[in-house]
Amino acid sequence: MTQAVDPLLSSLDAGRRATLIAVPERTGVYRFDVRLRGDGEHEETVFLSFG
C-alpha cells in the first residue's frame, strides 16, 4: 500500500509531527490530546497559522 505524503506534516520534525497525530486507544477509538504547554515528558501541541 502506498502512503500519501502530507506536505504540512512532512515539514515538521518527527517529535513535533507526533503532537498532531491521534493515537489508538482500542479498536475504533483514538485519542488526540491538545497540550498548551510542554511538561518535560510531552511537547506542546503544534499550532498552525494560515494567513
Protein backbone atom coordinates (compact mmCIF):
# COMPACT_ATOMS: atom_id res chain seq x y z
CA MET A 1 0.00 0.00 0.00
CA THR A 2 1.32 3.45 -0.90
CA GLN A 3 1.04 6.08 1.79
CA ALA A 4 0.37 9.68 0.72
CA VAL A 5 2.88 12.33 1.78
CA ASP A 6 1.36 15.29 3.54
CA PRO A 7 3.36 18.48 2.84
CA LEU A 8 2.43 20.07 6.18
CA LEU A 9 3.34 17.04 8.30
CA SER A 10 6.48 16.46 6.25
CA SER A 11 7.69 20.00 7.03
CA LEU A 12 7.80 19.25 10.78
CA ASP A 13 10.43 17.22 12.61
CA ALA A 14 9.21 13.85 13.87
CA GLY A 15 8.78 14.92 17.51
CA ARG A 16 6.65 17.92 16.64
CA ARG A 17 4.70 15.98 14.00
CA ALA A 18 3.72 13.40 16.60
CA THR A 19 1.76 16.07 18.52
CA LEU A 20 -0.70 16.26 15.60
CA ILE A 21 -1.38 12.52 15.28
CA ALA A 22 -4.16 10.72 17.17
CA VAL A 23 -3.12 7.50 18.92
CA PRO A 24 -5.21 4.31 19.09
CA GLU A 25 -6.76 3.56 22.49
CA ARG A 26 -8.65 0.42 21.48
CA THR A 27 -10.46 -0.86 18.38
CA GLY A 28 -12.21 2.05 16.68
CA VAL A 29 -11.21 4.59 19.38
CA TYR A 30 -8.42 7.15 19.02
CA ARG A 31 -7.14 9.80 21.44
CA PHE A 32 -5.90 13.26 20.49
CA ASP A 33 -4.52 15.36 23.33
CA VAL A 34 -4.02 19.11 22.97
CA ARG A 35 -1.21 20.30 25.22
CA LEU A 36 -0.89 24.04 25.67
CA ARG A 37 2.47 23.71 27.40
CA GLY A 38 5.14 21.03 27.43
CA ASP A 39 5.60 19.22 30.73
CA GLY A 40 9.10 17.82 30.24
CA GLU A 41 7.77 14.46 29.06
CA HIS A 42 5.42 15.67 26.31
CA GLU A 43 5.85 18.55 23.90
CA GLU A 44 3.18 21.20 23.47
CA THR A 45 0.84 20.58 20.54
CA VAL A 46 1.91 22.24 17.30
CA PHE A 47 -0.41 25.11 16.39
CA LEU A 48 -0.74 26.32 12.83
CA SER A 49 -1.33 29.77 11.39
CA PHE A 50 -2.96 30.11 7.99
CA GLY A 51 -2.74 33.59 6.62
